[in-house]
Every structure is written in C-alpha cells, then in structure tokens.
Amino acid sequence: MQNSLQTFVINLLKEKLSPFYYYHDVEHTLYVQQKVVEIGEREACNANEIEALKVAALWHDAGFITSYLRHEEEGCVLVRQYMPGYGYSDADIASLCGMIMATRIPQSPKNKLEEIIADADLEYLGTPAAGVRAEKLFHELQHQSPSLSRAQWRKTQIAFLDKHRYFTPYCKASKEPIKQAYLRGLLSATQ
C-alpha cells in the first residue's frame, strides 16, 4: 500500500472522527488492518489480496466521520471520492466497497476477502482483551445514548455474542473457543 494513502486516511480519521468514538477510533482501524493481514495469511491469500484487504480495512470505518448509523455506506462514498486518485479502477473500488459493507452488522460477506475483513473487524471478541474493548464500545454507545445502562449493555452484548459467528476456518478454530469463554463469563455474571 502506498504510504501516502495510509497517511491520508489516518490523518482524515484523526482530524474528523468524534473524540467520543472511544472504540471506533484510529487504533481500531489499525488493529483491523493488522488482523486482515494475519487472517489473510492464514487463509492463503496472495499478495494482491492482502493489499486489497489492507486498503479496505483502512477505510472500513472512515464513514464514521459523517454518519454513525450508516458509516459503511458513507465509507464507500469516501472510497469512490478518493481512490481514483490513487489509481484504483471502478472494479477495484467495487471490491473495496464490498469488503467495507461486509463489516455491517449483521455481517453477510459474499466472498473470501469479505469473510476475512468481517472476521478481522470482530476478531477481538475471541481474544483475552474482549472485555477491555467492549468497555470502550459501551462508553461510545453511552455517549450516543446516555440512558444506556450497564444491565442493558450486558444483555445486548450477550445477545450479540450468541448470534455472532466467525466465517474463516482460522477464526473458527482459534477465536471461537475464546469468544465462547467470554460469553460464558458474561452469562455467569448475570446469574
């Protein structure tokens, strides 16, 4: 990936993201970018596919600069606006937008690269850091909706974790067991 593209998008996020996005911040974008590489390599992606995944991860939450609820669509607007300037064709842009849209909840990826970015976006659920990251998301959502209580959040989180499924063989094998342990911990805390 061109360093200028990485710098451009990161600066765009730093300048325009709300300071109340405690979860959907630059750190999250860079984390997902790192995870698409990790998962992509485990799923035998070639160099071009890894490159496409890295670019899509860079843009996947950029739409938050204009919309919280429709950020995936807004991210695609930004990709269509800026990526031709980096030499991306209409077909490349359509592929990037497919990957961005695959991160929308509920996730419904349509191909291998979309499955990889969908898993990378929620990979943290299957890590020991799930609780810490969930706490950041709670504070972000509470800023959006101040009446959100801890009990409501726990209930929402349990329902989400219960429905969530990883798509790639790598995440199914290595992340799902940890996610299930996290879910069991949340369930036992409510009893």
Foldseek 3Di string as FASTA:
>chain_A
DDPVLLVVLLVLQVPQADPLQLQPGSVLLVQLLVQLLVVCVVVVHDPVLNVLLNNLSSLLQSLNSPDDQPSLVSSLVVCVVPVVVVVDDPVSSVVSSLLSQQLDPVGDRDDDSNLSSNCSSVLCLQDPCVVVSLVSVVSSVCVVPVVDDPVNSLVVVLVCLVPDDRDDPVCNPRRNVSNVVVSVVSVVVVD
